């Protein structure tokens, strides 16, 4: 009877250890992936901030080219 209790207690400890370990590893992986996603979003936001500047420069360049073509 006592061996049954010892085996059950060891099984409980093993199950709890495995479950907690899996939860910790999963949590770390989730945090890592969130950090990577935040970096990608930051890069995209910087790109989105620069695009209006590039578009304005392109408009100016097109206008200057049109002026040069008209001067010919």
N, C-alpha and C. Protein backbone atom coordinates (compact mmCIF):
# COMPACT_ATOMS: atom_id res chain seq x y z
N UNK A 1 0.83 -1.19 0.00
CA UNK A 1 0.00 0.00 0.00
C UNK A 1 0.87 1.25 0.00
N UNK A 2 1.94 1.24 0.78
CA UNK A 2 2.79 2.42 0.84
C UNK A 2 3.52 2.65 -0.47
N UNK A 3 3.86 1.60 -1.19
CA UNK A 3 4.52 1.79 -2.48
C UNK A 3 3.57 2.44 -3.47
N UNK A 4 2.28 2.14 -3.38
CA UNK A 4 1.30 2.77 -4.26
C UNK A 4 1.25 4.28 -4.00
N UNK A 5 1.31 4.67 -2.74
CA UNK A 5 1.27 6.09 -2.39
C UNK A 5 2.55 6.78 -2.87
N UNK A 6 3.68 6.13 -2.72
CA UNK A 6 4.96 6.71 -3.15
C UNK A 6 4.97 6.87 -4.67
N UNK A 7 4.50 5.85 -5.38
CA UNK A 7 4.45 5.92 -6.84
C UNK A 7 3.50 7.03 -7.28
N UNK A 8 2.37 7.15 -6.62
CA UNK A 8 1.41 8.20 -6.97
C UNK A 8 2.00 9.58 -6.70
N UNK A 9 2.69 9.74 -5.58
CA UNK A 9 3.30 11.03 -5.24
C UNK A 9 4.39 11.39 -6.24
N UNK A 10 5.22 10.42 -6.62
CA UNK A 10 6.26 10.66 -7.61
C UNK A 10 5.66 11.00 -8.97
N UNK A 11 4.59 10.33 -9.32
CA UNK A 11 3.90 10.63 -10.58
C UNK A 11 3.34 12.04 -10.56
N UNK A 12 2.77 12.44 -9.44
CA UNK A 12 2.24 13.80 -9.30
C UNK A 12 3.35 14.83 -9.43
N UNK A 13 4.46 14.59 -8.75
CA UNK A 13 5.59 15.52 -8.82
C UNK A 13 6.12 15.60 -10.26
N UNK A 14 6.25 14.47 -10.92
CA UNK A 14 6.73 14.46 -12.30
C UNK A 14 5.77 15.18 -13.24
N UNK A 15 4.49 14.97 -13.05
CA UNK A 15 3.49 15.63 -13.88
C UNK A 15 3.50 17.13 -13.67
N UNK A 16 3.57 17.57 -12.42
CA UNK A 16 3.61 19.00 -12.13
C UNK A 16 4.87 19.64 -12.68
N UNK A 17 6.00 18.97 -12.52
CA UNK A 17 7.27 19.50 -13.03
C UNK A 17 7.22 19.64 -14.55
N UNK A 18 6.74 18.61 -15.22
CA UNK A 18 6.65 18.65 -16.68
C UNK A 18 5.69 19.72 -17.17
N UNK A 19 4.57 19.84 -16.50
CA UNK A 19 3.58 20.85 -16.90
C UNK A 19 4.11 22.26 -16.70
N UNK A 20 4.68 22.51 -15.54
CA UNK A 20 5.24 23.84 -15.28
C UNK A 20 6.39 24.17 -16.22
N UNK A 21 7.24 23.18 -16.49
CA UNK A 21 8.33 23.39 -17.43
C UNK A 21 7.81 23.74 -18.82
N UNK A 22 6.79 23.03 -19.26
CA UNK A 22 6.20 23.31 -20.56
C UNK A 22 5.58 24.70 -20.62
N UNK A 23 4.94 25.10 -19.55
CA UNK A 23 4.33 26.43 -19.50
C UNK A 23 5.41 27.50 -19.56
N UNK A 24 6.50 27.31 -18.83
CA UNK A 24 7.59 28.30 -18.84
C UNK A 24 8.24 28.42 -20.21
N UNK A 25 8.50 27.30 -20.85
CA UNK A 25 9.12 27.32 -22.18
C UNK A 25 8.18 27.97 -23.18
N UNK A 26 6.92 27.63 -23.11
CA UNK A 26 5.93 28.22 -24.02
C UNK A 26 5.83 29.72 -23.79
N UNK A 27 5.88 30.15 -22.56
CA UNK A 27 5.81 31.58 -22.25
C UNK A 27 7.02 32.32 -22.80
N UNK A 28 8.19 31.73 -22.66
CA UNK A 28 9.41 32.36 -23.19
C UNK A 28 9.34 32.48 -24.71
N UNK A 29 8.87 31.44 -25.36
CA UNK A 29 8.75 31.46 -26.81
C UNK A 29 7.75 32.52 -27.26
N UNK A 30 6.64 32.62 -26.55
CA UNK A 30 5.64 33.63 -26.88
C UNK A 30 6.22 35.02 -26.70
N UNK A 31 6.93 35.26 -25.63
CA UNK A 31 7.55 36.58 -25.40
C UNK A 31 8.56 36.90 -26.48
N UNK A 32 9.37 35.92 -26.88
CA UNK A 32 10.36 36.13 -27.92
C UNK A 32 9.67 36.51 -29.24
N UNK A 33 8.63 35.78 -29.59
CA UNK A 33 7.93 36.06 -30.84
C UNK A 33 7.24 37.41 -30.81
N UNK A 34 6.72 37.81 -29.64
CA UNK A 34 6.13 39.14 -29.52
C UNK A 34 7.17 40.23 -29.71
N UNK A 35 8.36 40.03 -29.16
CA UNK A 35 9.44 41.01 -29.34
C UNK A 35 9.82 41.14 -30.81
N UNK A 36 9.90 39.99 -31.51
CA UNK A 36 10.23 40.03 -32.93
C UNK A 36 9.14 40.75 -33.72
N UNK A 37 7.90 40.51 -33.38
CA UNK A 37 6.80 41.17 -34.06
C UNK A 37 6.81 42.67 -33.80
N UNK A 38 7.13 43.07 -32.56
CA UNK A 38 7.22 44.49 -32.24
C UNK A 38 8.33 45.16 -33.05
N UNK A 39 9.45 44.46 -33.24
CA UNK A 39 10.54 45.02 -34.07
C UNK A 39 10.09 45.21 -35.51
N UNK A 40 9.36 44.23 -36.03
CA UNK A 40 8.86 44.36 -37.41
C UNK A 40 7.89 45.52 -37.53
N UNK A 41 7.03 45.68 -36.55
CA UNK A 41 6.07 46.79 -36.57
C UNK A 41 6.79 48.12 -36.49
N UNK A 42 7.83 48.20 -35.66
CA UNK A 42 8.61 49.44 -35.56
C UNK A 42 9.27 49.78 -36.90
N UNK A 43 9.84 48.76 -37.56
CA UNK A 43 10.44 49.01 -38.88
C UNK A 43 9.39 49.48 -39.87
N UNK A 44 8.22 48.87 -39.82
CA UNK A 44 7.15 49.29 -40.73
C UNK A 44 6.71 50.71 -40.44
N UNK A 45 6.61 51.05 -39.18
CA UNK A 45 6.18 52.40 -38.82
C UNK A 45 7.20 53.44 -39.29
N UNK A 46 8.48 53.13 -39.15
CA UNK A 46 9.50 54.06 -39.63
C UNK A 46 9.40 54.22 -41.14
N UNK A 47 9.13 53.12 -41.83
CA UNK A 47 8.96 53.17 -43.27
C UNK A 47 7.74 54.02 -43.63
N UNK A 48 6.66 53.83 -42.91
CA UNK A 48 5.43 54.59 -43.18
C UNK A 48 5.63 56.07 -42.90
N UNK A 49 6.49 56.41 -41.96
CA UNK A 49 6.77 57.81 -41.66
C UNK A 49 7.62 58.45 -42.76
N UNK A 50 8.51 57.67 -43.37
CA UNK A 50 9.39 58.21 -44.40
C UNK A 50 8.71 58.32 -45.76
N UNK A 51 7.71 57.52 -46.01
CA UNK A 51 7.09 57.50 -47.34
C UNK A 51 6.51 58.85 -47.76
N UNK A 52 5.81 59.59 -46.92
CA UNK A 52 5.32 60.90 -47.36
C UNK A 52 6.44 61.83 -47.78
N UNK A 53 7.58 61.75 -47.11
CA UNK A 53 8.73 62.58 -47.47
C UNK A 53 9.23 62.19 -48.86
N UNK A 54 9.33 60.90 -49.11
CA UNK A 54 9.78 60.42 -50.41
C UNK A 54 8.78 60.82 -51.49
N UNK A 55 7.50 60.70 -51.20
CA UNK A 55 6.48 61.08 -52.18
C UNK A 55 6.57 62.57 -52.51
N UNK A 56 6.81 63.38 -51.51
CA UNK A 56 6.95 64.82 -51.75
C UNK A 56 8.18 65.11 -52.59
N UNK A 57 9.27 64.44 -52.31
CA UNK A 57 10.47 64.62 -53.11
C UNK A 57 10.24 64.18 -54.55
N UNK A 58 9.51 63.09 -54.72
CA UNK A 58 9.20 62.61 -56.06
C UNK A 58 8.34 63.62 -56.82
N UNK A 59 7.37 64.20 -56.16
CA UNK A 59 6.54 65.23 -56.80
C UNK A 59 7.38 66.42 -57.23
N UNK A 60 8.29 66.85 -56.37
CA UNK A 60 9.17 67.97 -56.70
C UNK A 60 10.05 67.63 -57.90
N UNK A 61 10.57 66.42 -57.92
CA UNK A 61 11.42 66.00 -59.03
C UNK A 61 10.62 65.94 -60.33
N UNK A 62 9.42 65.41 -60.27
CA UNK A 62 8.58 65.37 -61.47
C UNK A 62 8.25 66.77 -61.96
N UNK A 63 7.97 67.66 -61.04
CA UNK A 63 7.67 69.05 -61.42
C UNK A 63 8.88 69.70 -62.08
N UNK A 64 10.05 69.47 -61.51
CA UNK A 64 11.27 70.05 -62.09
C UNK A 64 11.54 69.47 -63.47
N UNK A 65 11.31 68.18 -63.64
CA UNK A 65 11.51 67.56 -64.96
C UNK A 65 10.53 68.14 -65.98
N UNK A 66 9.30 68.33 -65.56
CA UNK A 66 8.31 68.91 -66.46
C UNK A 66 8.71 70.33 -66.85
N UNK A 67 9.21 71.09 -65.89
CA UNK A 67 9.67 72.45 -66.19
C UNK A 67 10.83 72.44 -67.17
N UNK A 68 11.76 71.51 -66.97
CA UNK A 68 12.92 71.40 -67.87
C UNK A 68 12.48 71.00 -69.29
N UNK A 69 11.53 70.09 -69.37
CA UNK A 69 11.03 69.67 -70.67
C UNK A 69 10.33 70.82 -71.37
N UNK A 70 9.59 71.63 -70.65
CA UNK A 70 8.88 72.74 -71.23
C UNK A 70 9.82 73.86 -71.69
N UNK A 71 10.97 73.99 -71.04
CA UNK A 71 11.95 75.02 -71.40
C UNK A 71 12.64 74.70 -72.72
N UNK A 72 12.65 73.49 -73.14
CA UNK A 72 13.33 73.10 -74.37
C UNK A 72 12.65 73.65 -75.53
